[in-house]
Amino acid sequence: MLKPRQDLVPNTFEFETTALVKPTGFREYDARWILDKEINLLGIQALGLAVATFVREQGVQPRIVVGQDFRSYSSTVKHALIIGLMEGGMEVLDVGLALSPMAYFGQFALEAPCVAMVTASHNENGWTGVKMGTNPPVTFGPEEIGRLKEIVLSGTGVARPGGRIERVENFRERYLQELVGDIKLKRPLKVVCACGNGTAGAFAPEALRRMGAEVIEMDTDLDYTFPKYNPNPEDHAMLMQMAQRVRETGADLALGFDGDGDRCGVVDETGEEIFADKIGLLLARDLSALHPNATFVVDVKSTGLYKTDEVLAANGATTVYWKTGHSYIKRKTAELGALAGFEKSGHFFLADPIGRGYDDGIVAAAAVLQMLDRNPGKTLSELKRALPDAWTSLTMSPHCDDELKYDVLAKVVAEYEALAAEGGSIVGRKIVEVITVNGARVHLEDGSWVLVRASSNKPELVVVVESMRSEDDMRALFREEVKPRLARHPEVGTYNQEI
């Protein structure tokens, strides 16, 4: 394999004959590039050959499930990836148009230890990427991605004979049967199913209907131009549309799915969004009653209520806070044998006997519906109101170039550590702890906290704040503390959304 270049531009001889691969596309737990600007099809082929080489290095059976999301170019990208995989001697099982969790399911159902799912998830059009793994249900983390990066950029992928491809027909139906299983709701539930015109539109409405829900479809037609908003149930634009549809239809709730179907967002019957960490807490309460002494893993962006919740304590539950990122939480959930892992971005990892341990937005949606089924006299908002008070912000992401964001974050972490060492305070409250497992999560004496970390898959920082006092105080933590602190760093740019 020739060593890729980083300086190529489209519509040139070199672009059509040499691999383009920018190193910034290798993220902490997957790979994402802007197609034709940061990687070309020959670069994708080089990635496939590198994956095959890495699989051989690990002594793993060279049998891999491959699928693609619904974008205008994803099928082309997938076929370039398959060429590289076959060049490296791998047996490729092509499940076609898929959700990421459908590809993960293929590892179990098709007895293939490896997976490579072509998706840019909720990223804007123009982006492409690959989510990979060789040990189900775990996907690659920094160590594996780092080695893959070395192989690609050094041009040391090794071609081998024996590559072949098999098209797996009608795997969608097999996946839907797995999703629904024996779920049959006893309680009539009217559900808005929002897909943002992303890939989940071909899967989620049908799955929810088979479970017994009355489904009101919202933006479920596949349209890779994403005409209204990106399919991202963590973004304000999608949540507001979900809330409006709930109010218009009198639905019991809205369930929103991201571009590749591994995340789920929830709006209650009043039209209020419930962030995924609070949904996770509700699910933990429900599931810990069925499975006493269970362990739950949550990411550092999540509410602090898990540690203090009386219901979880009464059920003997244990909560472990861990690094943000679907690969980190998935891996920690498997490592600890936890019943479930929850991430504030909407990744839910439901393990045996509920799921298979990987993140599947429809499995999470089913768990929410079953929770309501087990509480026939209560609405979702009533279940939420039973939680202790805590006001948690949207996830806010100021732009910061990939080449700069980790240096900026290191400076911010050092600032908070120094402030804590000096006995400093934030908005009138003393700092009691700075957790640096993933950026800086700064805990205050009343239980409130602020978090600054680097995005793992976009040129951004990530900011979350939580107040135990009020919504106004939550805004003050951001506007009076975090925002002005980051503004002192000129590398930090405009926010995608603010409170």
Protein backbone atom coordinates (compact mmCIF):
# COMPACT_ATOMS: atom_id res chain seq x y z
CA MET A 1 0.00 0.00 0.00
CA LEU A 2 1.40 3.40 -0.97
CA LYS A 3 1.75 5.98 1.77
CA PRO A 4 -1.25 8.36 1.63
CA ARG A 5 -0.81 12.09 1.07
CA GLN A 6 -2.51 14.99 2.84
CA ASP A 7 -2.17 17.75 0.23
CA LEU A 8 -4.35 16.51 -2.62
CA VAL A 9 -7.27 18.41 -4.14
CA PRO A 10 -10.13 17.12 -6.33
CA ASN A 11 -10.14 17.32 -10.13
CA THR A 12 -6.45 16.48 -10.45
CA PHE A 13 -4.55 13.46 -11.70
CA GLU A 14 -3.01 12.87 -8.27
CA PHE A 15 -6.41 12.89 -6.54
CA GLU A 16 -7.59 10.03 -8.77
CA THR A 17 -4.41 7.96 -8.44
CA THR A 18 -3.21 8.52 -4.86
CA ALA A 19 -4.83 8.05 -1.46
CA LEU A 20 -5.79 11.22 0.44
CA VAL A 21 -6.11 10.74 4.20
CA LYS A 22 -5.98 13.58 6.73
CA PRO A 23 -4.81 12.32 10.14
CA THR A 24 -7.41 14.42 11.98
CA GLY A 25 -10.10 11.99 10.82
CA PHE A 26 -8.94 9.39 13.31
CA ARG A 27 -10.97 10.25 16.41
CA GLU A 28 -10.96 8.68 19.85
CA TYR A 29 -13.33 5.84 19.00
CA ASP A 30 -14.26 6.07 15.33
CA ALA A 31 -13.09 7.74 12.13
CA ARG A 32 -14.77 10.70 10.36
CA TRP A 33 -13.74 12.91 7.47
CA ILE A 34 -15.25 15.39 5.04
CA LEU A 35 -15.34 13.39 1.82
CA ASP A 36 -13.09 14.68 -1.01
CA LYS A 37 -11.65 17.36 1.26
CA GLU A 38 -10.05 15.22 3.96
CA ILE A 39 -10.24 11.75 2.40
CA ASN A 40 -10.89 10.36 -1.07
CA LEU A 41 -12.12 6.94 -2.18
CA LEU A 42 -8.58 5.61 -2.48
CA GLY A 43 -8.08 6.77 1.11
CA ILE A 44 -11.17 4.82 2.14
CA GLN A 45 -9.74 1.78 0.34
CA ALA A 46 -6.49 2.25 2.27
CA LEU A 47 -8.52 2.31 5.48
CA GLY A 48 -10.13 -1.01 4.55
CA LEU A 49 -6.74 -2.60 3.91
CA ALA A 50 -5.50 -1.24 7.24
CA VAL A 51 -8.50 -2.72 9.08
CA ALA A 52 -7.76 -6.12 7.49
CA THR A 53 -4.10 -5.79 8.51
CA PHE A 54 -5.06 -4.87 12.09
CA VAL A 55 -7.46 -7.82 12.31
CA ARG A 56 -4.65 -10.20 11.30
CA GLU A 57 -2.32 -8.60 13.86
CA GLN A 58 -4.88 -9.28 16.58
CA GLY A 59 -5.31 -12.91 15.56
CA VAL A 60 -9.03 -12.38 14.99
CA GLN A 61 -11.03 -14.37 12.43
CA PRO A 62 -11.03 -12.22 9.24
CA ARG A 63 -14.83 -12.18 8.89
CA ILE A 64 -16.51 -8.78 8.95
CA VAL A 65 -20.04 -7.31 8.77
CA VAL A 66 -20.29 -4.15 6.66
CA GLY A 67 -23.24 -1.79 6.20
CA GLN A 68 -23.93 1.84 5.28
CA ASP A 69 -26.26 4.65 6.32
CA PHE A 70 -28.53 6.61 3.98
CA ARG A 71 -26.48 9.36 2.38
CA SER A 72 -25.94 10.07 -1.29
CA TYR A 73 -22.36 8.82 -1.18
CA SER A 74 -22.40 6.17 1.59
CA SER A 75 -22.83 3.22 -0.76
CA THR A 76 -19.85 4.39 -2.82
CA VAL A 77 -17.76 4.82 0.31
CA LYS A 78 -18.78 1.37 1.54
CA HIS A 79 -17.74 -0.27 -1.72
CA ALA A 80 -14.35 1.43 -1.59
CA LEU A 81 -13.95 0.17 1.97
CA ILE A 82 -14.92 -3.35 0.89
CA ILE A 83 -12.29 -3.32 -1.86
CA GLY A 84 -9.65 -2.58 0.78
CA LEU A 85 -10.98 -5.23 3.15
CA MET A 86 -10.97 -7.86 0.40
CA GLU A 87 -7.50 -6.78 -0.69
CA GLY A 88 -6.45 -7.62 2.86
CA GLY A 89 -7.97 -11.09 2.59
CA MET A 90 -11.17 -10.56 4.60
CA GLU A 91 -14.51 -12.30 4.20
CA VAL A 92 -17.04 -9.47 3.90
CA LEU A 93 -20.72 -9.85 4.82
CA ASP A 94 -22.55 -6.90 3.29
CA VAL A 95 -25.86 -6.26 5.08
CA GLY A 96 -26.61 -3.22 2.87
CA LEU A 97 -28.50 -0.16 4.10
CA ALA A 98 -28.40 -0.39 7.87
CA LEU A 99 -28.42 1.27 11.24
CA SER A 100 -25.18 0.99 13.20
CA PRO A 101 -26.85 -1.34 15.75
CA MET A 102 -28.09 -3.53 12.90
CA ALA A 103 -24.46 -3.99 11.84
CA TYR A 104 -23.50 -4.71 15.46
CA PHE A 105 -26.32 -7.28 15.65
CA GLY A 106 -24.82 -8.88 12.55
CA GLN A 107 -21.68 -9.71 14.51
CA PHE A 108 -23.81 -11.99 16.71
CA ALA A 109 -26.33 -13.26 14.18
CA LEU A 110 -23.81 -13.92 11.39
CA GLU A 111 -21.02 -15.16 13.68
CA ALA A 112 -18.59 -12.52 12.53
CA PRO A 113 -16.27 -11.00 15.15
CA CYS A 114 -15.61 -7.82 13.14
CA VAL A 115 -17.75 -4.88 12.03
CA ALA A 116 -17.24 -1.77 9.89
CA MET A 117 -20.26 0.50 9.63
CA VAL A 118 -20.03 3.37 7.14
CA THR A 119 -21.79 6.33 8.77
CA ALA A 120 -21.32 9.94 9.71
CA SER A 121 -24.15 9.59 12.24
CA HIS A 122 -25.75 13.02 12.72
CA ASN A 123 -22.92 15.04 11.17
CA GLU A 124 -23.79 17.42 8.37
CA ASN A 125 -23.83 16.24 4.77
CA GLY A 126 -20.35 16.02 3.32
CA TRP A 127 -19.09 14.01 6.30
CA THR A 128 -18.42 10.29 6.13
CA GLY A 129 -16.90 7.86 8.60
CA VAL A 130 -16.60 4.31 9.87
CA LYS A 131 -17.46 2.73 13.22
CA MET A 132 -15.42 -0.42 13.78
CA GLY A 133 -14.92 -3.29 16.19
CA THR A 134 -13.38 -6.74 16.48
CA ASN A 135 -14.82 -7.94 19.79
CA PRO A 136 -18.62 -7.67 20.11
CA PRO A 137 -20.27 -5.75 21.68
CA VAL A 138 -17.20 -3.52 22.11
CA THR A 139 -16.09 -1.06 19.43
CA PHE A 140 -12.68 0.50 18.89
CA GLY A 141 -11.20 2.86 21.45
CA PRO A 142 -8.13 5.12 21.33
CA GLU A 143 -5.60 2.26 21.32
CA GLU A 144 -7.15 0.47 18.35
CA ILE A 145 -7.82 3.69 16.44
CA GLY A 146 -4.24 4.79 17.12
CA ARG A 147 -2.81 1.60 15.66
CA LEU A 148 -5.14 1.84 12.67
CA LYS A 149 -3.96 5.40 12.09
CA GLU A 150 -0.33 4.23 12.12
CA ILE A 151 -1.01 1.54 9.51
CA VAL A 152 -2.91 3.88 7.20
CA LEU A 153 -0.57 6.87 7.35
CA SER A 154 2.58 4.78 7.05
CA GLY A 155 1.23 2.82 4.09
CA THR A 156 2.04 -0.51 5.76
CA GLY A 157 -1.23 -2.33 5.09
CA VAL A 158 -0.57 -5.86 3.87
CA ALA A 159 -2.42 -7.40 0.90
CA ARG A 160 -3.38 -11.06 1.29
CA PRO A 161 -5.27 -13.59 -0.82
CA GLY A 162 -8.63 -15.08 0.14
CA GLY A 163 -10.84 -11.99 0.16
CA ARG A 164 -14.48 -12.57 -0.72
CA ILE A 165 -17.85 -10.84 -0.40
CA GLU A 166 -21.31 -12.15 0.40
CA ARG A 167 -24.47 -10.08 0.14
CA VAL A 168 -26.74 -10.88 3.11
CA GLU A 169 -30.32 -10.61 1.85
CA ASN A 170 -33.26 -9.32 3.92
CA PHE A 171 -31.20 -8.82 7.05
CA ARG A 172 -33.47 -5.88 7.96
CA GLU A 173 -36.30 -8.31 8.78
CA ARG A 174 -34.04 -10.45 10.95
CA TYR A 175 -32.95 -7.32 12.83
CA LEU A 176 -36.56 -6.15 13.33
CA GLN A 177 -37.48 -9.55 14.75
CA GLU A 178 -34.58 -9.26 17.18
CA LEU A 179 -35.69 -5.77 18.24
CA VAL A 180 -39.30 -6.66 18.91
CA GLY A 181 -38.83 -10.14 20.37
CA ASP A 182 -41.74 -10.89 22.70
CA ILE A 183 -42.48 -7.24 23.54
CA LYS A 184 -46.20 -6.58 23.40
CA LEU A 185 -47.41 -3.46 25.16
CA LYS A 186 -50.49 -3.86 27.34
CA ARG A 187 -51.00 -0.12 27.69
CA PRO A 188 -52.13 1.83 24.60
CA LEU A 189 -49.39 4.37 23.92
CA LYS A 190 -49.45 7.02 21.21
CA VAL A 191 -45.86 7.67 20.14
CA VAL A 192 -44.38 10.32 17.86
CA CYS A 193 -41.50 8.64 16.00
CA ALA A 194 -39.07 11.32 14.75
CA CYS A 195 -36.20 10.38 12.45
CA GLY A 196 -35.05 13.65 10.86
CA ASN A 197 -35.23 11.98 7.42
CA GLY A 198 -32.27 9.81 8.47
CA THR A 199 -31.77 6.07 8.15
CA ALA A 200 -33.85 5.22 11.22
CA GLY A 201 -36.99 6.10 9.26
CA ALA A 202 -36.73 2.74 7.50
CA PHE A 203 -36.64 0.84 10.80
CA ALA A 204 -38.00 2.60 13.89
CA PRO A 205 -41.68 3.15 12.93
CA GLU A 206 -42.12 -0.48 11.93
CA ALA A 207 -40.41 -1.77 15.09
CA LEU A 208 -42.52 0.42 17.39
CA ARG A 209 -45.75 -0.65 15.65
CA ARG A 210 -44.85 -4.30 16.07
CA MET A 211 -44.40 -3.65 19.80
CA GLY A 212 -48.00 -2.42 19.97
CA ALA A 213 -47.55 1.35 19.94
CA GLU A 214 -49.73 3.72 17.92
CA VAL A 215 -47.07 5.44 15.83
CA ILE A 216 -47.28 9.00 14.52
CA GLU A 217 -44.50 9.29 11.96
CA MET A 218 -42.49 12.51 11.82
CA ASP A 219 -39.88 13.06 9.11
CA THR A 220 -39.49 9.33 8.54
CA ASP A 221 -39.14 9.50 4.74
CA LEU A 222 -35.52 8.91 3.84
CA ASP A 223 -34.00 12.09 2.41
CA TYR A 224 -30.23 12.45 2.50
CA THR A 225 -30.46 16.22 2.04
CA PHE A 226 -31.90 16.44 5.60
CA PRO A 227 -34.32 19.18 4.48
CA LYS A 228 -35.45 20.32 7.95
CA TYR A 229 -32.56 19.68 10.35
CA ASN A 230 -29.83 17.13 10.96
CA PRO A 231 -31.13 13.91 12.54
CA ASN A 232 -29.72 14.61 16.00
CA PRO A 233 -32.13 14.27 18.96
CA GLU A 234 -29.72 16.21 21.15
CA ASP A 235 -30.06 19.35 19.02
CA HIS A 236 -32.59 22.01 19.96
CA ALA A 237 -34.09 22.20 16.45
CA MET A 238 -35.13 18.55 16.35
CA LEU A 239 -36.35 18.55 19.95
CA MET A 240 -38.56 21.59 19.35
CA GLN A 241 -40.18 19.95 16.33
CA MET A 242 -40.79 16.79 18.38
CA ALA A 243 -42.35 18.86 21.18
CA GLN A 244 -44.65 20.67 18.76
CA ARG A 245 -45.88 17.41 17.24
CA VAL A 246 -46.59 15.94 20.70
CA ARG A 247 -48.73 18.97 21.60
CA GLU A 248 -50.56 18.84 18.26
CA THR A 249 -51.40 15.14 18.47
CA GLY A 250 -51.85 14.56 22.19
CA ALA A 251 -49.23 11.82 22.05
CA ASP A 252 -47.94 10.14 25.20
CA LEU A 253 -44.35 10.90 24.20
CA ALA A 254 -42.00 11.47 21.28
CA LEU A 255 -39.01 9.30 20.51
CA GLY A 256 -36.33 10.76 18.25
CA PHE A 257 -33.53 8.83 16.55
CA ASP A 258 -30.22 10.05 15.14
CA GLY A 259 -28.82 9.47 11.67
CA ASP A 260 -27.53 5.94 12.24
CA GLY A 261 -30.06 4.85 14.86
CA ASP A 262 -27.76 4.24 17.81
CA ARG A 263 -29.16 7.16 19.87
CA CYS A 264 -32.61 8.02 21.19
CA GLY A 265 -34.05 11.30 22.45
CA VAL A 266 -37.27 11.66 24.44
CA VAL A 267 -39.97 14.34 24.80
CA ASP A 268 -42.76 13.83 27.35
CA GLU A 269 -46.50 14.27 26.86
CA THR A 270 -46.35 17.96 27.84
CA GLY A 271 -43.83 18.71 25.09
CA GLU A 272 -40.86 18.97 27.45
CA GLU A 273 -37.62 17.27 26.46
CA ILE A 274 -36.08 14.91 28.99
CA PHE A 275 -32.34 14.72 28.55
CA ALA A 276 -30.90 11.25 28.15
CA ASP A 277 -29.17 11.20 31.52
CA LYS A 278 -32.53 11.78 33.26
CA ILE A 279 -34.17 9.13 31.04
CA GLY A 280 -31.31 6.86 32.06
CA LEU A 281 -32.02 7.57 35.72
CA LEU A 282 -35.71 6.73 35.22
CA LEU A 283 -34.73 3.51 33.45
CA ALA A 284 -32.22 2.68 36.19
CA ARG A 285 -34.97 3.08 38.79
CA ASP A 286 -37.30 0.84 36.78
CA LEU A 287 -34.72 -1.81 35.91
CA SER A 288 -33.07 -1.95 39.34
CA ALA A 289 -36.44 -2.92 40.82
CA LEU A 290 -36.50 -5.89 38.42
CA HIS A 291 -32.77 -6.63 38.80
CA PRO A 292 -31.65 -5.80 42.37
CA ASN A 293 -27.99 -4.91 43.06
CA ALA A 294 -27.42 -3.94 39.43
CA THR A 295 -24.50 -1.81 38.27
CA PHE A 296 -24.96 1.17 35.96
CA VAL A 297 -22.29 3.11 34.07
CA VAL A 298 -22.90 6.77 33.20
CA ASP A 299 -20.73 9.36 31.44
CA VAL A 300 -19.25 12.45 33.03
CA LYS A 301 -21.76 14.73 31.27
CA SER A 302 -24.58 13.07 33.21
CA THR A 303 -26.53 14.32 36.21
CA GLY A 304 -25.09 13.84 39.67
CA LEU A 305 -28.44 12.45 40.88
CA TYR A 306 -27.37 8.85 40.19
CA LYS A 307 -25.10 8.97 43.22
CA THR A 308 -27.73 10.38 45.59
CA ASP A 309 -30.95 8.75 44.34
CA GLU A 310 -32.83 7.03 47.17
CA VAL A 311 -34.66 4.59 44.88
CA LEU A 312 -31.41 3.29 43.39
CA ALA A 313 -29.92 2.98 46.86
CA ALA A 314 -32.95 1.04 48.10
CA ASN A 315 -32.61 -1.35 45.16
CA GLY A 316 -28.92 -1.90 45.91
CA ALA A 317 -27.78 -0.29 42.68
CA THR A 318 -24.22 0.91 42.09
CA THR A 319 -23.34 3.76 39.71
CA VAL A 320 -19.93 4.30 38.08
CA TYR A 321 -19.12 7.58 36.28
CA TRP A 322 -16.85 7.12 33.27
CA LYS A 323 -15.46 8.84 30.18
CA THR A 324 -17.88 10.29 27.65
CA GLY A 325 -17.99 8.43 24.35
CA HIS A 326 -19.97 5.46 23.08
CA SER A 327 -16.87 3.27 22.93
CA TYR A 328 -15.79 4.12 26.50
CA ILE A 329 -19.21 3.57 28.09
CA LYS A 330 -19.87 0.43 26.03
CA ARG A 331 -16.51 -1.01 27.03
CA LYS A 332 -16.88 -0.14 30.72
CA THR A 333 -20.40 -1.61 30.79
CA ALA A 334 -19.05 -4.88 29.38
CA GLU A 335 -15.97 -4.84 31.64
CA LEU A 336 -18.03 -4.44 34.82
CA GLY A 337 -20.85 -6.74 33.74
CA ALA A 338 -23.19 -3.80 34.27
CA LEU A 339 -26.89 -4.07 33.49
CA ALA A 340 -26.81 -0.84 31.50
CA GLY A 341 -24.72 2.14 30.51
CA PHE A 342 -26.13 5.61 29.84
CA GLU A 343 -24.58 8.53 28.00
CA LYS A 344 -26.03 12.04 27.99
CA SER A 345 -25.84 12.27 24.21
CA GLY A 346 -28.52 9.55 23.98
CA HIS A 347 -26.47 6.37 23.68
CA PHE A 348 -28.02 3.64 25.86
CA PHE A 349 -26.19 0.34 26.37
CA LEU A 350 -28.64 -2.26 27.61
CA ALA A 351 -26.99 -5.58 28.41
CA ASP A 352 -28.33 -9.08 28.96
CA PRO A 353 -31.18 -9.87 29.52
CA ILE A 354 -32.50 -6.61 27.99
CA GLY A 355 -30.13 -6.16 25.05
CA ARG A 356 -26.76 -7.29 23.77
CA GLY A 357 -24.66 -4.52 25.29
CA TYR A 358 -24.24 -2.25 22.25
CA ASP A 359 -25.97 1.08 21.71
CA ASP A 360 -29.30 0.77 19.91
CA GLY A 361 -31.74 3.67 19.93
CA ILE A 362 -34.73 1.43 19.22
CA VAL A 363 -33.85 -0.95 22.07
CA ALA A 364 -33.67 2.12 24.33
CA ALA A 365 -37.04 3.30 23.02
CA ALA A 366 -38.51 -0.11 23.79
CA ALA A 367 -37.18 0.10 27.36
CA VAL A 368 -38.89 3.49 27.80
CA LEU A 369 -42.19 2.11 26.47
CA GLN A 370 -41.95 -0.94 28.73
CA MET A 371 -41.25 1.34 31.70
CA LEU A 372 -44.47 3.22 30.95
CA ASP A 373 -46.25 -0.11 30.48
CA ARG A 374 -45.22 -1.08 34.01
CA ASN A 375 -46.60 2.22 35.35
CA PRO A 376 -50.11 2.26 33.83
CA GLY A 377 -51.42 5.09 35.97
CA LYS A 378 -48.56 7.51 35.37
CA THR A 379 -47.43 9.78 32.56
CA LEU A 380 -43.80 10.25 31.62
CA SER A 381 -43.79 13.76 33.08
CA GLU A 382 -45.11 12.38 36.38
CA LEU A 383 -42.29 9.84 36.49
CA LYS A 384 -39.83 12.65 35.81
CA ARG A 385 -41.31 14.87 38.54
CA ALA A 386 -40.67 12.08 41.03
CA LEU A 387 -36.93 12.64 40.54
CA PRO A 388 -35.10 15.07 42.84
CA ASP A 389 -34.69 18.56 41.43
CA ALA A 390 -31.71 19.26 39.19
CA TRP A 391 -31.46 21.64 36.25
CA THR A 392 -29.13 20.38 33.53
CA SER A 393 -28.19 22.35 30.42
CA LEU A 394 -28.22 21.39 26.80
CA THR A 395 -24.93 20.08 25.50
CA MET A 396 -23.25 23.18 24.09
CA SER A 397 -20.35 22.99 21.66
CA PRO A 398 -18.13 25.96 20.79
CA HIS A 399 -15.99 25.51 17.68
CA CYS A 400 -12.32 24.72 18.24
CA ASP A 401 -10.09 23.27 15.53
CA ASP A 402 -9.09 19.63 15.91
CA GLU A 403 -5.42 20.61 15.90
CA LEU A 404 -5.96 23.03 18.81
CA LYS A 405 -8.78 21.72 20.99
CA TYR A 406 -6.75 19.40 23.21
CA ASP A 407 -4.16 22.07 23.98
CA VAL A 408 -6.94 24.53 24.84
CA LEU A 409 -8.62 21.92 27.03
CA ALA A 410 -5.36 21.20 28.87
CA LYS A 411 -5.09 24.89 29.75
CA VAL A 412 -8.70 25.01 30.98
CA VAL A 413 -8.21 21.88 33.10
CA ALA A 414 -5.07 23.40 34.64
CA GLU A 415 -6.99 26.60 35.42
CA TYR A 416 -9.71 24.70 37.27
CA GLU A 417 -7.21 22.54 39.15
CA ALA A 418 -5.34 25.66 40.25
CA LEU A 419 -8.57 27.37 41.29
CA ALA A 420 -9.56 24.35 43.37
CA ALA A 421 -6.12 24.15 44.99
CA GLU A 422 -6.47 27.79 46.03
CA GLY A 423 -9.80 27.06 47.70
CA GLY A 424 -11.58 29.01 44.98
CA SER A 425 -15.27 29.22 44.20
CA ILE A 426 -17.64 29.46 41.22
CA VAL A 427 -20.69 31.72 41.33
CA GLY A 428 -20.47 31.88 45.12
CA ARG A 429 -19.83 28.19 45.81
CA LYS A 430 -16.60 26.53 46.82
CA ILE A 431 -15.07 23.93 44.50
CA VAL A 432 -14.96 20.56 46.27
CA GLU A 433 -13.59 18.34 43.50
CA VAL A 434 -12.25 18.46 39.95
CA ILE A 435 -12.68 15.14 38.09
CA THR A 436 -10.25 14.99 35.16
CA VAL A 437 -10.99 11.53 33.74
CA ASN A 438 -12.44 13.28 30.67
CA GLY A 439 -11.76 17.02 30.58
CA ALA A 440 -12.69 18.86 33.77
CA ARG A 441 -15.88 18.16 35.71
CA VAL A 442 -15.86 20.73 38.51
CA HIS A 443 -18.07 19.86 41.50
CA LEU A 444 -19.33 22.58 43.83
CA GLU A 445 -20.30 22.36 47.49
CA ASP A 446 -24.07 22.27 46.81
CA GLY A 447 -23.80 19.43 44.29
CA SER A 448 -23.89 21.65 41.20
CA TRP A 449 -21.17 21.15 38.58
CA VAL A 450 -19.72 22.38 35.29
CA LEU A 451 -17.99 20.31 32.61
CA VAL A 452 -15.62 21.25 29.80
CA ARG A 453 -14.24 18.51 27.56
CA ALA A 454 -13.14 18.01 23.95
CA SER A 455 -15.53 16.54 21.41
CA SER A 456 -14.34 13.14 20.26
CA ASN A 457 -15.69 13.41 16.71
CA LYS A 458 -15.96 17.08 15.72
CA PRO A 459 -13.77 20.21 15.88
CA GLU A 460 -15.46 21.42 19.06
CA LEU A 461 -15.26 21.65 22.80
CA VAL A 462 -18.24 20.39 24.83
CA VAL A 463 -19.85 22.27 27.73
CA VAL A 464 -22.51 21.04 30.18
CA VAL A 465 -23.59 22.61 33.47
CA GLU A 466 -25.98 21.40 36.17
CA SER A 467 -27.48 23.35 39.06
CA MET A 468 -29.14 21.91 42.14
CA ARG A 469 -30.74 25.34 42.81
CA SER A 470 -32.71 26.64 39.83
CA GLU A 471 -32.85 27.12 36.08
CA ASP A 472 -31.62 30.70 36.51
CA ASP A 473 -28.62 29.45 38.48
CA MET A 474 -27.89 26.89 35.73
CA ARG A 475 -27.75 29.76 33.24
CA ALA A 476 -25.52 31.75 35.59
CA LEU A 477 -23.04 28.88 35.83
CA PHE A 478 -22.68 29.00 32.07
CA ARG A 479 -22.93 32.74 31.41
CA GLU A 480 -20.91 33.96 34.40
CA GLU A 481 -18.35 31.17 34.63
CA VAL A 482 -17.79 28.82 31.71
CA LYS A 483 -18.53 31.09 28.75
CA PRO A 484 -16.27 33.98 29.86
CA ARG A 485 -13.51 31.54 30.86
CA LEU A 486 -13.48 29.92 27.41
CA ALA A 487 -13.75 33.34 25.74
CA ARG A 488 -10.32 34.18 27.14
CA HIS A 489 -8.91 31.56 24.76
CA PRO A 490 -8.97 33.01 21.22
CA GLU A 491 -8.99 29.54 19.67
CA VAL A 492 -12.55 29.01 20.97
CA GLY A 493 -15.23 30.13 18.51
CA THR A 494 -18.99 30.26 18.13
CA TYR A 495 -21.32 27.90 20.02
CA ASN A 496 -23.72 25.62 18.17
CA GLN A 497 -26.37 26.49 20.77
CA GLU A 498 -26.51 28.27 24.13
CA ILE A 499 -28.80 28.47 27.15
